[in-house]
Amino acid sequence: MSANILDLDILNELKEIMEDDFDELIETFILDGQAQLDNLRTATDAQLAADIRSIAHTLKGSSANLGANALSGVCKDLEHNVAVDNLDEIDESFEKIKNEYEAVKMALKENFQ
């Protein structure tokens, strides 16, 4: 697994702290992440800046909490671009987020489920 997909130190610390609830955290992240991606696709298609920014912010935070730093970073970039009214590359940003999310999901399933 590529070190830039997940910070295993963060995840192992969470696993130690949460014990039996850790699996539920991972499953919740995966399910919620997919729902957020679906919502982000809808918002980017309609160029709904406030919705895009809110969804990107939510994904940024949940990704950072799990040590998915690259995913958090691309969400941060999108959130910033929308905040400064730069919607030119939102489709490209969505694709980056989707690809990073898929990589994170795969890495989580391979290592923690």
C-alpha atoms as a PDB file:
ATOM      1  CA  MET A   1       0.000   0.000   0.000  1.00  0.00           C
ATOM      2  CA  SER A   2       1.294   3.401  -0.889  1.00  0.00           C
ATOM      3  CA  ALA A   3       2.146   5.508   2.131  1.00  0.00           C
ATOM      4  CA  ASN A   4       0.491   8.520   0.559  1.00  0.00           C
ATOM      5  CA  ILE A   5      -2.954   6.875   0.549  1.00  0.00           C
ATOM      6  CA  LEU A   6      -3.288   6.249   4.296  1.00  0.00           C
ATOM      7  CA  ASP A   7      -1.335   7.223   7.379  1.00  0.00           C
ATOM      8  CA  LEU A   8      -1.195   3.851   9.110  1.00  0.00           C
ATOM      9  CA  ASP A   9       0.007   5.395  12.367  1.00  0.00           C
ATOM     10  CA  ILE A  10      -3.238   7.349  12.663  1.00  0.00           C
ATOM     11  CA  LEU A  11      -5.345   4.330  11.758  1.00  0.00           C
ATOM     12  CA  ASN A  12      -3.530   1.996  14.137  1.00  0.00           C
ATOM     13  CA  GLU A  13      -3.932   4.526  16.939  1.00  0.00           C
ATOM     14  CA  LEU A  14      -7.649   4.810  16.190  1.00  0.00           C
ATOM     15  CA  LYS A  15      -7.941   1.028  16.144  1.00  0.00           C
ATOM     16  CA  GLU A  16      -6.279   0.781  19.546  1.00  0.00           C
ATOM     17  CA  ILE A  17      -8.467   3.503  21.051  1.00  0.00           C
ATOM     18  CA  MET A  18     -11.761   2.409  19.492  1.00  0.00           C
ATOM     19  CA  GLU A  19     -11.240  -1.354  19.775  1.00  0.00           C
ATOM     20  CA  ASP A  20     -14.437  -3.086  18.586  1.00  0.00           C
ATOM     21  CA  ASP A  21     -15.961   0.143  17.250  1.00  0.00           C
ATOM     22  CA  PHE A  22     -13.115   0.623  14.770  1.00  0.00           C
ATOM     23  CA  ASP A  23     -14.700  -1.651  12.151  1.00  0.00           C
ATOM     24  CA  GLU A  24     -17.894   0.379  12.346  1.00  0.00           C
ATOM     25  CA  LEU A  25     -15.884   3.577  11.844  1.00  0.00           C
ATOM     26  CA  ILE A  26     -14.316   2.185   8.679  1.00  0.00           C
ATOM     27  CA  GLU A  27     -17.647   0.966   7.318  1.00  0.00           C
ATOM     28  CA  THR A  28     -19.297   4.302   8.118  1.00  0.00           C
ATOM     29  CA  PHE A  29     -16.500   6.203   6.367  1.00  0.00           C
ATOM     30  CA  ILE A  30     -16.851   4.034   3.269  1.00  0.00           C
ATOM     31  CA  LEU A  31     -20.648   4.323   3.088  1.00  0.00           C
ATOM     32  CA  ASP A  32     -20.764   8.016   3.967  1.00  0.00           C
ATOM     33  CA  GLY A  33     -17.897   8.757   1.598  1.00  0.00           C
ATOM     34  CA  GLN A  34     -19.804   7.210  -1.292  1.00  0.00           C
ATOM     35  CA  ALA A  35     -22.899   9.233  -0.421  1.00  0.00           C
ATOM     36  CA  GLN A  36     -20.806  12.403  -0.238  1.00  0.00           C
ATOM     37  CA  LEU A  37     -19.270  11.612  -3.641  1.00  0.00           C
ATOM     38  CA  ASP A  38     -22.706  11.125  -5.145  1.00  0.00           C
ATOM     39  CA  ASN A  39     -23.827  14.447  -3.682  1.00  0.00           C
ATOM     40  CA  LEU A  40     -20.654  16.134  -4.895  1.00  0.00           C
ATOM     41  CA  ARG A  41     -21.243  14.851  -8.429  1.00  0.00           C
ATOM     42  CA  THR A  42     -24.752  16.306  -8.378  1.00  0.00           C
ATOM     43  CA  ALA A  43     -23.506  19.622  -7.003  1.00  0.00           C
ATOM     44  CA  THR A  44     -20.649  19.902  -9.499  1.00  0.00           C
ATOM     45  CA  ASP A  45     -22.950  19.081 -12.413  1.00  0.00           C
ATOM     46  CA  ALA A  46     -25.253  21.902 -11.320  1.00  0.00           C
ATOM     47  CA  GLN A  47     -22.332  24.180 -10.301  1.00  0.00           C
ATOM     48  CA  LEU A  48     -23.853  24.731  -6.873  1.00  0.00           C
ATOM     49  CA  ALA A  49     -20.893  26.449  -5.243  1.00  0.00           C
ATOM     50  CA  ALA A  50     -22.203  26.450  -1.664  1.00  0.00           C
ATOM     51  CA  ASP A  51     -23.028  22.736  -1.831  1.00  0.00           C
ATOM     52  CA  ILE A  52     -19.694  21.865  -3.445  1.00  0.00           C
ATOM     53  CA  ARG A  53     -17.816  23.768  -0.776  1.00  0.00           C
ATOM     54  CA  SER A  54     -19.787  22.179   2.065  1.00  0.00           C
ATOM     55  CA  ILE A  55     -19.370  18.632   0.742  1.00  0.00           C
ATOM     56  CA  ALA A  56     -15.665  19.154   0.049  1.00  0.00           C
ATOM     57  CA  HIS A  57     -15.253  20.480   3.589  1.00  0.00           C
ATOM     58  CA  THR A  58     -17.004  17.448   5.081  1.00  0.00           C
ATOM     59  CA  LEU A  59     -14.930  14.996   3.036  1.00  0.00           C
ATOM     60  CA  LYS A  60     -11.760  16.899   3.887  1.00  0.00           C
ATOM     61  CA  GLY A  61     -12.383  16.532   7.606  1.00  0.00           C
ATOM     62  CA  SER A  62     -13.465  12.915   7.655  1.00  0.00           C
ATOM     63  CA  SER A  63     -10.539  11.958   5.424  1.00  0.00           C
ATOM     64  CA  ALA A  64      -8.035  13.774   7.611  1.00  0.00           C
ATOM     65  CA  ASN A  65      -9.435  12.066  10.700  1.00  0.00           C
ATOM     66  CA  LEU A  66      -8.680   8.674   9.149  1.00  0.00           C
ATOM     67  CA  GLY A  67      -5.253   9.624   7.883  1.00  0.00           C
ATOM     68  CA  ALA A  68      -6.323   9.763   4.235  1.00  0.00           C
ATOM     69  CA  ASN A  69      -4.167  12.822   3.700  1.00  0.00           C
ATOM     70  CA  ALA A  70      -4.087  12.867  -0.106  1.00  0.00           C
ATOM     71  CA  LEU A  71      -7.884  12.661  -0.253  1.00  0.00           C
ATOM     72  CA  SER A  72      -8.157  15.385   2.362  1.00  0.00           C
ATOM     73  CA  GLY A  73      -5.744  17.508   0.323  1.00  0.00           C
ATOM     74  CA  VAL A  74      -7.685  17.321  -2.935  1.00  0.00           C
ATOM     75  CA  CYS A  75     -10.877  18.126  -1.040  1.00  0.00           C
ATOM     76  CA  LYS A  76      -9.132  21.130   0.513  1.00  0.00           C
ATOM     77  CA  ASP A  77      -8.060  22.307  -2.940  1.00  0.00           C
ATOM     78  CA  LEU A  78     -11.609  22.091  -4.262  1.00  0.00           C
ATOM     79  CA  GLU A  79     -13.005  23.828  -1.205  1.00  0.00           C
ATOM     80  CA  HIS A  80     -10.500  26.668  -1.643  1.00  0.00           C
ATOM     81  CA  ASN A  81     -11.128  27.035  -5.380  1.00  0.00           C
ATOM     82  CA  VAL A  82     -14.860  27.277  -4.863  1.00  0.00           C
ATOM     83  CA  ALA A  83     -14.377  29.766  -2.021  1.00  0.00           C
ATOM     84  CA  VAL A  84     -12.551  32.103  -4.420  1.00  0.00           C
ATOM     85  CA  ASP A  85     -15.173  31.570  -7.151  1.00  0.00           C
ATOM     86  CA  ASN A  86     -12.906  29.439  -9.327  1.00  0.00           C
ATOM     87  CA  LEU A  87     -15.274  26.834 -10.771  1.00  0.00           C
ATOM     88  CA  ASP A  88     -13.253  26.272 -13.946  1.00  0.00           C
ATOM     89  CA  GLU A  89     -11.769  22.952 -12.894  1.00  0.00           C
ATOM     90  CA  ILE A  90     -14.474  21.474 -10.676  1.00  0.00           C
ATOM     91  CA  ASP A  91     -15.010  18.471 -12.958  1.00  0.00           C
ATOM     92  CA  GLU A  92     -11.296  17.690 -12.886  1.00  0.00           C
ATOM     93  CA  SER A  93     -11.270  18.172  -9.113  1.00  0.00           C
ATOM     94  CA  PHE A  94     -14.230  15.834  -8.751  1.00  0.00           C
ATOM     95  CA  GLU A  95     -12.380  13.144 -10.712  1.00  0.00           C
ATOM     96  CA  LYS A  96      -9.310  13.538  -8.481  1.00  0.00           C
ATOM     97  CA  ILE A  97     -11.466  13.237  -5.370  1.00  0.00           C
ATOM     98  CA  LYS A  98     -13.289  10.212  -6.761  1.00  0.00           C
ATOM     99  CA  ASN A  99     -10.011   8.488  -7.645  1.00  0.00           C
ATOM    100  CA  GLU A 100      -8.457   9.237  -4.259  1.00  0.00           C
ATOM    101  CA  TYR A 101     -11.608   8.031  -2.477  1.00  0.00           C
ATOM    102  CA  GLU A 102     -11.527   4.750  -4.413  1.00  0.00           C
ATOM    103  CA  ALA A 103      -7.854   4.256  -3.520  1.00  0.00           C
ATOM    104  CA  VAL A 104      -8.591   4.946   0.159  1.00  0.00           C
ATOM    105  CA  LYS A 105     -11.580   2.619   0.145  1.00  0.00           C
ATOM    106  CA  MET A 106      -9.526  -0.175  -1.394  1.00  0.00           C
ATOM    107  CA  ALA A 107      -6.654   0.359   1.051  1.00  0.00           C
ATOM    108  CA  LEU A 108      -9.022   0.351   4.028  1.00  0.00           C
ATOM    109  CA  LYS A 109     -10.706  -2.853   2.883  1.00  0.00           C
ATOM    110  CA  GLU A 110      -7.374  -4.560   2.226  1.00  0.00           C
ATOM    111  CA  ASN A 111      -5.848  -3.572   5.548  1.00  0.00           C
ATOM    112  CA  PHE A 112      -8.673  -3.245   8.047  1.00  0.00           C
ATOM    113  CA  GLN A 113     -11.653  -5.384   7.020  1.00  0.00           C
END
